[in-house]
Each structure stands twice: as structure tokens, then as C-alpha cells.
Amino acid sequence: MTQKIDIYEEFDARVEKFLRKLMTEDEEQQFKDELAADSDKRSRARAMALMASQMLDIRHKQEAATVQQMASMSEAEFRKKFVNRKSVNRQ
């Protein structure tokens, strides 16, 4: 069981490297060939890519909502919510 987990961790790390475009051309081609030859790995890579995409989408929506909230605040409201709270947390 541990060996299978290690294989998944190594594969997942390569998927992440591929998605972040950190592979050399040779590594990328080898990875694509591996995915073409193995439907289980291809499915796992697709699932990981979809999860990453969804997480990024959620992050962008949360950031946009925060920016919109901040833009609608007066300076006093902003300071009360964000600045003063940071000062209290530092103590």
C-alpha cells in the first residue's frame, strides 16, 4: 500500500509540474506520451487539472468579492475592519 501511495505522490508531483509549465520540452513530451499510453494516469491527471482550475476559480471569485467589499467601504470602515484588527492581533 505504501509503495502505491509513493507512486501516486510522484505522479501527482509531475502533474503539478506539468500544469505549472515547469517541465523541459523533453520531460513534457515524455509525460504526454505516458498519459497517452495509460488511461488511469490520464484520468488522474485530468481530475487534478480540473481540481486546480476550480480552486483557482474559487480563489479569484473570493478575491473579487473582497476587493468589491473594500471598495464600497469608507476609510473609517476599512480601518475599523482591517487595520485595527491587525493591531489587536499583534498584541
PDB file of N, CA and C in Angstrom:
ATOM      1  N   MET A   1       0.826  -1.200   0.000  1.00  0.00           N
ATOM      2  CA  MET A   1       0.000   0.000   0.000  1.00  0.00           C
ATOM      3  C   MET A   1       0.866   1.258   0.000  1.00  0.00           C
ATOM      4  N   THR A   2       1.910   1.281   0.826  1.00  0.00           N
ATOM      5  CA  THR A   2       2.791   2.447   0.907  1.00  0.00           C
ATOM      6  C   THR A   2       3.455   2.710  -0.437  1.00  0.00           C
ATOM      7  N   GLN A   3       3.855   1.652  -1.125  1.00  0.00           N
ATOM      8  CA  GLN A   3       4.510   1.816  -2.419  1.00  0.00           C
ATOM      9  C   GLN A   3       3.560   2.467  -3.422  1.00  0.00           C
ATOM     10  N   LYS A   4       2.270   2.085  -3.398  1.00  0.00           N
ATOM     11  CA  LYS A   4       1.291   2.664  -4.308  1.00  0.00           C
ATOM     12  C   LYS A   4       1.097   4.154  -4.007  1.00  0.00           C
ATOM     13  N   ILE A   5       1.064   4.501  -2.728  1.00  0.00           N
ATOM     14  CA  ILE A   5       0.933   5.909  -2.341  1.00  0.00           C
ATOM     15  C   ILE A   5       2.139   6.697  -2.848  1.00  0.00           C
ATOM     16  N   ASP A   6       3.335   6.143  -2.702  1.00  0.00           N
ATOM     17  CA  ASP A   6       4.543   6.810  -3.182  1.00  0.00           C
ATOM     18  C   ASP A   6       4.475   7.046  -4.689  1.00  0.00           C
ATOM     19  N   ILE A   7       3.959   6.066  -5.429  1.00  0.00           N
ATOM     20  CA  ILE A   7       3.830   6.200  -6.884  1.00  0.00           C
ATOM     21  C   ILE A   7       2.864   7.336  -7.212  1.00  0.00           C
ATOM     22  N   TYR A   8       1.730   7.407  -6.487  1.00  0.00           N
ATOM     23  CA  TYR A   8       0.777   8.488  -6.718  1.00  0.00           C
ATOM     24  C   TYR A   8       1.379   9.845  -6.377  1.00  0.00           C
ATOM     25  N   GLU A   9       2.106   9.921  -5.278  1.00  0.00           N
ATOM     26  CA  GLU A   9       2.717  11.194  -4.896  1.00  0.00           C
ATOM     27  C   GLU A   9       3.700  11.660  -5.961  1.00  0.00           C
ATOM     28  N   GLU A  10       4.495  10.749  -6.472  1.00  0.00           N
ATOM     29  CA  GLU A  10       5.466  11.092  -7.508  1.00  0.00           C
ATOM     30  C   GLU A  10       4.739  11.523  -8.784  1.00  0.00           C
ATOM     31  N   PHE A  11       3.702  10.793  -9.154  1.00  0.00           N
ATOM     32  CA  PHE A  11       2.940  11.141 -10.356  1.00  0.00           C
ATOM     33  C   PHE A  11       2.245  12.487 -10.170  1.00  0.00           C
ATOM     34  N   ASP A  12       1.619  12.694  -9.015  1.00  0.00           N
ATOM     35  CA  ASP A  12       0.931  13.959  -8.736  1.00  0.00           C
ATOM     36  C   ASP A  12       1.895  15.140  -8.791  1.00  0.00           C
ATOM     37  N   ALA A  13       3.111  14.938  -8.306  1.00  0.00           N
ATOM     38  CA  ALA A  13       4.121  15.998  -8.361  1.00  0.00           C
ATOM     39  C   ALA A  13       4.464  16.326  -9.821  1.00  0.00           C
ATOM     40  N   ARG A  14       4.510  15.293 -10.658  1.00  0.00           N
ATOM     41  CA  ARG A  14       4.793  15.546 -12.078  1.00  0.00           C
ATOM     42  C   ARG A  14       3.618  16.224 -12.762  1.00  0.00           C
ATOM     43  N   VAL A  15       2.390  15.878 -12.378  1.00  0.00           N
ATOM     44  CA  VAL A  15       1.207  16.566 -12.930  1.00  0.00           C
ATOM     45  C   VAL A  15       1.274  18.040 -12.569  1.00  0.00           C
ATOM     46  N   GLU A  16       1.579  18.320 -11.307  1.00  0.00           N
ATOM     47  CA  GLU A  16       1.689  19.717 -10.862  1.00  0.00           C
ATOM     48  C   GLU A  16       2.773  20.448 -11.650  1.00  0.00           C
ATOM     49  N   LYS A  17       3.894  19.809 -11.824  1.00  0.00           N
ATOM     50  CA  LYS A  17       4.993  20.412 -12.589  1.00  0.00           C
ATOM     51  C   LYS A  17       4.556  20.685 -14.029  1.00  0.00           C
ATOM     52  N   PHE A  18       3.807  19.762 -14.609  1.00  0.00           N
ATOM     53  CA  PHE A  18       3.294  19.942 -15.964  1.00  0.00           C
ATOM     54  C   PHE A  18       2.314  21.115 -16.016  1.00  0.00           C
ATOM     55  N   LEU A  19       1.374  21.160 -15.090  1.00  0.00           N
ATOM     56  CA  LEU A  19       0.365  22.220 -15.076  1.00  0.00           C
ATOM     57  C   LEU A  19       0.984  23.601 -14.869  1.00  0.00           C
ATOM     58  N   ARG A  20       2.063  23.653 -14.111  1.00  0.00           N
ATOM     59  CA  ARG A  20       2.741  24.930 -13.865  1.00  0.00           C
ATOM     60  C   ARG A  20       3.747  25.285 -14.967  1.00  0.00           C
ATOM     61  N   LYS A  21       3.814  24.410 -15.971  1.00  0.00           N
ATOM     62  CA  LYS A  21       4.715  24.614 -17.115  1.00  0.00           C
ATOM     63  C   LYS A  21       6.174  24.719 -16.672  1.00  0.00           C
ATOM     64  N   LEU A  22       6.559  23.809 -15.778  1.00  0.00           N
ATOM     65  CA  LEU A  22       7.920  23.797 -15.249  1.00  0.00           C
ATOM     66  C   LEU A  22       8.767  22.664 -15.831  1.00  0.00           C
ATOM     67  N   MET A  23       8.195  21.903 -16.761  1.00  0.00           N
ATOM     68  CA  MET A  23       8.926  20.785 -17.367  1.00  0.00           C
ATOM     69  C   MET A  23       9.734  21.272 -18.561  1.00  0.00           C
ATOM     70  N   THR A  24      10.834  20.589 -18.786  1.00  0.00           N
ATOM     71  CA  THR A  24      11.577  20.835 -20.016  1.00  0.00           C
ATOM     72  C   THR A  24      10.753  20.262 -21.171  1.00  0.00           C
ATOM     73  N   GLU A  25      11.124  20.589 -22.389  1.00  0.00           N
ATOM     74  CA  GLU A  25      10.405  20.054 -23.545  1.00  0.00           C
ATOM     75  C   GLU A  25      10.439  18.532 -23.552  1.00  0.00           C
ATOM     76  N   ASP A  26      11.595  17.962 -23.233  1.00  0.00           N
ATOM     77  CA  ASP A  26      11.725  16.505 -23.203  1.00  0.00           C
ATOM     78  C   ASP A  26      10.849  15.883 -22.115  1.00  0.00           C
ATOM     79  N   GLU A  27      10.884  16.476 -20.925  1.00  0.00           N
ATOM     80  CA  GLU A  27      10.052  15.964 -19.832  1.00  0.00           C
ATOM     81  C   GLU A  27       8.571  16.035 -20.197  1.00  0.00           C
ATOM     82  N   GLU A  28       8.188  17.153 -20.791  1.00  0.00           N
ATOM     83  CA  GLU A  28       6.791  17.339 -21.167  1.00  0.00           C
ATOM     84  C   GLU A  28       6.362  16.295 -22.195  1.00  0.00           C
ATOM     85  N   GLN A  29       7.200  16.065 -23.182  1.00  0.00           N
ATOM     86  CA  GLN A  29       6.853  15.073 -24.200  1.00  0.00           C
ATOM     87  C   GLN A  29       6.762  13.671 -23.609  1.00  0.00           C
ATOM     88  N   GLN A  30       7.703  13.328 -22.740  1.00  0.00           N
ATOM     89  CA  GLN A  30       7.657  12.024 -22.065  1.00  0.00           C
ATOM     90  C   GLN A  30       6.381  11.886 -21.236  1.00  0.00           C
ATOM     91  N   PHE A  31       6.011  12.953 -20.557  1.00  0.00           N
ATOM     92  CA  PHE A  31       4.814  12.937 -19.733  1.00  0.00           C
ATOM     93  C   PHE A  31       3.565  12.767 -20.598  1.00  0.00           C
ATOM     94  N   LYS A  32       3.497  13.491 -21.697  1.00  0.00           N
ATOM     95  CA  LYS A  32       2.357  13.363 -22.603  1.00  0.00           C
ATOM     96  C   LYS A  32       2.276  11.955 -23.181  1.00  0.00           C
ATOM     97  N   ASP A  33       3.407  11.393 -23.530  1.00  0.00           N
ATOM     98  CA  ASP A  33       3.437  10.020 -24.048  1.00  0.00           C
ATOM     99  C   ASP A  33       2.942   9.037 -22.986  1.00  0.00           C
ATOM    100  N   GLU A  34       3.362   9.249 -21.742  1.00  0.00           N
ATOM    101  CA  GLU A  34       2.925   8.401 -20.633  1.00  0.00           C
ATOM    102  C   GLU A  34       1.414   8.482 -20.449  1.00  0.00           C
ATOM    103  N   LEU A  35       0.871   9.691 -20.522  1.00  0.00           N
ATOM    104  CA  LEU A  35      -0.577   9.864 -20.389  1.00  0.00           C
ATOM    105  C   LEU A  35      -1.323   9.211 -21.542  1.00  0.00           C
ATOM    106  N   ALA A  36      -0.781   9.321 -22.745  1.00  0.00           N
ATOM    107  CA  ALA A  36      -1.417   8.720 -23.917  1.00  0.00           C
ATOM    108  C   ALA A  36      -1.471   7.199 -23.806  1.00  0.00           C
ATOM    109  N   ALA A  37      -0.493   6.625 -23.123  1.00  0.00           N
ATOM    110  CA  ALA A  37      -0.388   5.169 -23.022  1.00  0.00           C
ATOM    111  C   ALA A  37      -1.139   4.589 -21.814  1.00  0.00           C
ATOM    112  N   ASP A  38      -1.551   5.425 -20.859  1.00  0.00           N
ATOM    113  CA  ASP A  38      -2.136   4.908 -19.616  1.00  0.00           C
ATOM    114  C   ASP A  38      -3.412   5.687 -19.274  1.00  0.00           C
ATOM    115  N   SER A  39      -4.548   5.056 -19.492  1.00  0.00           N
ATOM    116  CA  SER A  39      -5.828   5.750 -19.273  1.00  0.00           C
ATOM    117  C   SER A  39      -6.061   6.097 -17.804  1.00  0.00           C
ATOM    118  N   ASP A  40      -5.556   5.284 -16.859  1.00  0.00           N
ATOM    119  CA  ASP A  40      -5.714   5.605 -15.435  1.00  0.00           C
ATOM    120  C   ASP A  40      -4.950   6.879 -15.072  1.00  0.00           C
ATOM    121  N   LYS A  41      -3.722   6.973 -15.552  1.00  0.00           N
ATOM    122  CA  LYS A  41      -2.931   8.180 -15.282  1.00  0.00           C
ATOM    123  C   LYS A  41      -3.550   9.391 -15.977  1.00  0.00           C
ATOM    124  N   ARG A  42      -4.044   9.190 -17.186  1.00  0.00           N
ATOM    125  CA  ARG A  42      -4.682  10.288 -17.913  1.00  0.00           C
ATOM    126  C   ARG A  42      -5.903  10.789 -17.145  1.00  0.00           C
ATOM    127  N   SER A  43      -6.708   9.868 -16.623  1.00  0.00           N
ATOM    128  CA  SER A  43      -7.889  10.252 -15.839  1.00  0.00           C
ATOM    129  C   SER A  43      -7.492  10.978 -14.563  1.00  0.00           C
ATOM    130  N   ARG A  44      -6.466  10.485 -13.891  1.00  0.00           N
ATOM    131  CA  ARG A  44      -5.999  11.138 -12.658  1.00  0.00           C
ATOM    132  C   ARG A  44      -5.473  12.544 -12.967  1.00  0.00           C
ATOM    133  N   ALA A  45      -4.716  12.676 -14.043  1.00  0.00           N
ATOM    134  CA  ALA A  45      -4.177  13.988 -14.419  1.00  0.00           C
ATOM    135  C   ALA A  45      -5.306  14.953 -14.764  1.00  0.00           C
ATOM    136  N   ARG A  46      -6.311  14.483 -15.476  1.00  0.00           N
ATOM    137  CA  ARG A  46      -7.466  15.337 -15.807  1.00  0.00           C
ATOM    138  C   ARG A  46      -8.197  15.782 -14.547  1.00  0.00           C
ATOM    139  N   ALA A  47      -8.389  14.850 -13.615  1.00  0.00           N
ATOM    140  CA  ALA A  47      -9.071  15.191 -12.360  1.00  0.00           C
ATOM    141  C   ALA A  47      -8.276  16.239 -11.585  1.00  0.00           C
ATOM    142  N   MET A  48      -6.960  16.074 -11.540  1.00  0.00           N
ATOM    143  CA  MET A  48      -6.118  17.048 -10.833  1.00  0.00           C
ATOM    144  C   MET A  48      -6.169  18.411 -11.512  1.00  0.00           C
ATOM    145  N   ALA A  49      -6.148  18.411 -12.845  1.00  0.00           N
ATOM    146  CA  ALA A  49      -6.209  19.673 -13.583  1.00  0.00           C
ATOM    147  C   ALA A  49      -7.545  20.371 -13.340  1.00  0.00           C
ATOM    148  N   LEU A  50      -8.626  19.598 -13.299  1.00  0.00           N
ATOM    149  CA  LEU A  50      -9.944  20.172 -13.039  1.00  0.00           C
ATOM    150  C   LEU A  50     -10.020  20.738 -11.630  1.00  0.00           C
ATOM    151  N   MET A  51      -9.490  19.997 -10.648  1.00  0.00           N
ATOM    152  CA  MET A  51      -9.476  20.497  -9.265  1.00  0.00           C
ATOM    153  C   MET A  51      -8.682  21.795  -9.168  1.00  0.00           C
ATOM    154  N   ALA A  52      -7.527  21.837  -9.801  1.00  0.00           N
ATOM    155  CA  ALA A  52      -6.694  23.038  -9.758  1.00  0.00           C
ATOM    156  C   ALA A  52      -7.424  24.216 -10.380  1.00  0.00           C
ATOM    157  N   SER A  53      -8.090  23.955 -11.508  1.00  0.00           N
ATOM    158  CA  SER A  53      -8.835  25.009 -12.192  1.00  0.00           C
ATOM    159  C   SER A  53      -9.982  25.522 -11.324  1.00  0.00           C
ATOM    160  N   GLN A  54     -10.717  24.607 -10.695  1.00  0.00           N
ATOM    161  CA  GLN A  54     -11.829  25.002  -9.840  1.00  0.00           C
ATOM    162  C   GLN A  54     -11.349  25.780  -8.617  1.00  0.00           C
ATOM    163  N   MET A  55     -10.250  25.346  -8.034  1.00  0.00           N
ATOM    164  CA  MET A  55      -9.704  26.053  -6.876  1.00  0.00           C
ATOM    165  C   MET A  55      -9.258  27.458  -7.260  1.00  0.00           C
ATOM    166  N   LEU A  56      -8.654  27.593  -8.420  1.00  0.00           N
ATOM    167  CA  LEU A  56      -8.227  28.908  -8.886  1.00  0.00           C
ATOM    168  C   LEU A  56      -9.435  29.804  -9.142  1.00  0.00           C
ATOM    169  N   ASP A  57     -10.494  29.230  -9.720  1.00  0.00           N
ATOM    170  CA  ASP A  57     -11.717  29.986  -9.982  1.00  0.00           C
ATOM    171  C   ASP A  57     -12.335  30.478  -8.676  1.00  0.00           C
ATOM    172  N   ILE A  58     -12.396  29.604  -7.678  1.00  0.00           N
ATOM    173  CA  ILE A  58     -12.941  29.999  -6.365  1.00  0.00           C
ATOM    174  C   ILE A  58     -12.091  31.104  -5.754  1.00  0.00           C
ATOM    175  N   ARG A  59     -10.780  30.959  -5.849  1.00  0.00           N
ATOM    176  CA  ARG A  59      -9.881  31.980  -5.294  1.00  0.00           C
ATOM    177  C   ARG A  59     -10.116  33.335  -5.956  1.00  0.00           C
ATOM    178  N   HIS A  60     -10.241  33.344  -7.288  1.00  0.00           N
ATOM    179  CA  HIS A  60     -10.470  34.608  -7.994  1.00  0.00           C
ATOM    180  C   HIS A  60     -11.799  35.233  -7.597  1.00  0.00           C
ATOM    181  N   LYS A  61     -12.826  34.413  -7.437  1.00  0.00           N
ATOM    182  CA  LYS A  61     -14.133  34.937  -7.025  1.00  0.00           C
ATOM    183  C   LYS A  61     -14.063  35.523  -5.620  1.00  0.00           C
ATOM    184  N   GLN A  62     -13.351  34.840  -4.713  1.00  0.00           N
ATOM    185  CA  GLN A  62     -13.215  35.347  -3.343  1.00  0.00           C
ATOM    186  C   GLN A  62     -12.430  36.650  -3.323  1.00  0.00           C
ATOM    187  N   GLU A  63     -11.368  36.716  -4.115  1.00  0.00           N
ATOM    188  CA  GLU A  63     -10.567  37.944  -4.174  1.00  0.00           C
ATOM    189  C   GLU A  63     -11.391  39.096  -4.746  1.00  0.00           C
ATOM    190  N   ALA A  64     -12.173  38.825  -5.794  1.00  0.00           N
ATOM    191  CA  ALA A  64     -13.005  39.867  -6.399  1.00  0.00           C
ATOM    192  C   ALA A  64     -14.047  40.365  -5.400  1.00  0.00           C
ATOM    193  N   ALA A  65     -14.632  39.445  -4.635  1.00  0.00           N
ATOM    194  CA  ALA A  65     -15.621  39.841  -3.634  1.00  0.00           C
ATOM    195  C   ALA A  65     -14.973  40.694  -2.546  1.00  0.00           C
ATOM    196  N   THR A  66     -13.772  40.337  -2.139  1.00  0.00           N
ATOM    197  CA  THR A  66     -13.062  41.111  -1.117  1.00  0.00           C
ATOM    198  C   THR A  66     -12.735  42.513  -1.629  1.00  0.00           C
ATOM    199  N   VAL A  67     -12.251  42.586  -2.862  1.00  0.00           N
ATOM    200  CA  VAL A  67     -11.927  43.890  -3.447  1.00  0.00           C
ATOM    201  C   VAL A  67     -13.185  44.748  -3.552  1.00  0.00           C
ATOM    202  N   GLN A  68     -14.290  44.137  -3.982  1.00  0.00           N
ATOM    203  CA  GLN A  68     -15.546  44.880  -4.097  1.00  0.00           C
ATOM    204  C   GLN A  68     -16.012  45.366  -2.730  1.00  0.00           C
ATOM    205  N   GLN A  69     -15.896  44.512  -1.724  1.00  0.00           N
ATOM    206  CA  GLN A  69     -16.281  44.895  -0.367  1.00  0.00           C
ATOM    207  C   GLN A  69     -15.427  46.057   0.122  1.00  0.00           C
ATOM    208  N   MET A  70     -14.130  45.967  -0.101  1.00  0.00           N
ATOM    209  CA  MET A  70     -13.224  47.015   0.348  1.00  0.00           C
ATOM    210  C   MET A  70     -13.497  48.331  -0.390  1.00  0.00           C
ATOM    211  N   ALA A  71     -13.795  48.241  -1.672  1.00  0.00           N
ATOM    212  CA  ALA A  71     -14.049  49.447  -2.460  1.00  0.00           C
ATOM    213  C   ALA A  71     -15.318  50.162  -2.010  1.00  0.00           C
ATOM    214  N   SER A  72     -16.257  49.409  -1.466  1.00  0.00           N
ATOM    215  CA  SER A  72     -17.517  50.027  -1.045  1.00  0.00           C
ATOM    216  C   SER A  72     -17.455  50.605   0.367  1.00  0.00           C
ATOM    217  N   MET A  73     -16.335  50.414   1.060  1.00  0.00           N
ATOM    218  CA  MET A  73     -16.199  50.903   2.434  1.00  0.00           C
ATOM    219  C   MET A  73     -15.638  52.322   2.458  1.00  0.00           C
ATOM    220  N   SER A  74     -16.016  53.036   3.480  1.00  0.00           N
ATOM    221  CA  SER A  74     -15.355  54.313   3.735  1.00  0.00           C
ATOM    222  C   SER A  74     -13.995  54.007   4.347  1.00  0.00           C
ATOM    223  N   GLU A  75     -13.140  55.000   4.404  1.00  0.00           N
ATOM    224  CA  GLU A  75     -11.823  54.777   5.006  1.00  0.00           C
ATOM    225  C   GLU A  75     -11.957  54.385   6.472  1.00  0.00           C
ATOM    226  N   ALA A  76     -12.894  54.994   7.175  1.00  0.00           N
ATOM    227  CA  ALA A  76     -13.094  54.678   8.595  1.00  0.00           C
ATOM    228  C   ALA A  76     -13.555  53.227   8.769  1.00  0.00           C
ATOM    229  N   GLU A  77     -14.487  52.799   7.912  1.00  0.00           N
ATOM    230  CA  GLU A  77     -14.953  51.402   7.990  1.00  0.00           C
ATOM    231  C   GLU A  77     -13.808  50.436   7.695  1.00  0.00           C
ATOM    232  N   PHE A  78     -13.003  50.778   6.687  1.00  0.00           N
ATOM    233  CA  PHE A  78     -11.870  49.933   6.319  1.00  0.00           C
ATOM    234  C   PHE A  78     -10.895  49.803   7.486  1.00  0.00           C
ATOM    235  N   ARG A  79     -10.556  50.936   8.074  1.00  0.00           N
ATOM    236  CA  ARG A  79      -9.607  50.914   9.193  1.00  0.00           C
ATOM    237  C   ARG A  79     -10.164  50.107  10.366  1.00  0.00           C
ATOM    238  N   LYS A  80     -11.453  50.269  10.644  1.00  0.00           N
ATOM    239  CA  LYS A  80     -12.066  49.544  11.751  1.00  0.00           C
ATOM    240  C   LYS A  80     -12.024  48.039  11.503  1.00  0.00           C
ATOM    241  N   LYS A  81     -12.304  47.624  10.270  1.00  0.00           N
ATOM    242  CA  LYS A  81     -12.382  46.193   9.972  1.00  0.00           C
ATOM    243  C   LYS A  81     -11.012  45.544   9.790  1.00  0.00           C
ATOM    244  N   PHE A  82     -10.086  46.235   9.128  1.00  0.00           N
ATOM    245  CA  PHE A  82      -8.826  45.600   8.771  1.00  0.00           C
ATOM    246  C   PHE A  82      -7.621  46.110   9.567  1.00  0.00           C
ATOM    247  N   VAL A  83      -7.460  47.389   9.689  1.00  0.00           N
ATOM    248  CA  VAL A  83      -6.268  47.945  10.315  1.00  0.00           C
ATOM    249  C   VAL A  83      -6.283  47.739  11.823  1.00  0.00           C
ATOM    250  N   ASN A  84      -7.363  48.117  12.460  1.00  0.00           N
ATOM    251  CA  ASN A  84      -7.449  47.997  13.924  1.00  0.00           C
ATOM    252  C   ASN A  84      -7.391  46.536  14.358  1.00  0.00           C
ATOM    253  N   ARG A  85      -7.968  45.642  13.582  1.00  0.00           N
ATOM    254  CA  ARG A  85      -7.955  44.225  13.914  1.00  0.00           C
ATOM    255  C   ARG A  85      -6.531  43.679  13.884  1.00  0.00           C
ATOM    256  N   LYS A  86      -5.745  44.114  12.930  1.00  0.00           N
ATOM    257  CA  LYS A  86      -4.354  43.668  12.859  1.00  0.00           C
ATOM    258  C   LYS A  86      -3.570  44.139  14.067  1.00  0.00           C
ATOM    259  N   SER A  87      -3.831  45.350  14.519  1.00  0.00           N
ATOM    260  CA  SER A  87      -3.143  45.873  15.698  1.00  0.00           C
ATOM    261  C   SER A  87      -3.483  45.061  16.933  1.00  0.00           C
ATOM    262  N   VAL A  88      -4.719  44.656  17.072  1.00  0.00           N
ATOM    263  CA  VAL A  88      -5.163  43.853  18.215  1.00  0.00           C
ATOM    264  C   VAL A  88      -4.526  42.480  18.142  1.00  0.00           C
ATOM    265  N   ASN A  89      -4.444  41.875  16.940  1.00  0.00           N
ATOM    266  CA  ASN A  89      -3.876  40.546  16.784  1.00  0.00           C
ATOM    267  C   ASN A  89      -2.384  40.511  17.070  1.00  0.00           C
ATOM    268  N   ARG A  90      -1.686  41.592  16.905  1.00  0.00           N
ATOM    269  CA  ARG A  90      -0.233  41.642  17.133  1.00  0.00           C
ATOM    270  C   ARG A  90       0.118  41.647  18.609  1.00  0.00           C
ATOM    271  N   GLN A  91      -0.801  42.083  19.452  1.00  0.00           N
ATOM    272  CA  GLN A  91      -0.509  42.224  20.874  1.00  0.00           C
ATOM    273  C   GLN A  91      -0.455  40.919  21.578  1.00  0.00           C
TER     274      GLN A  91
END
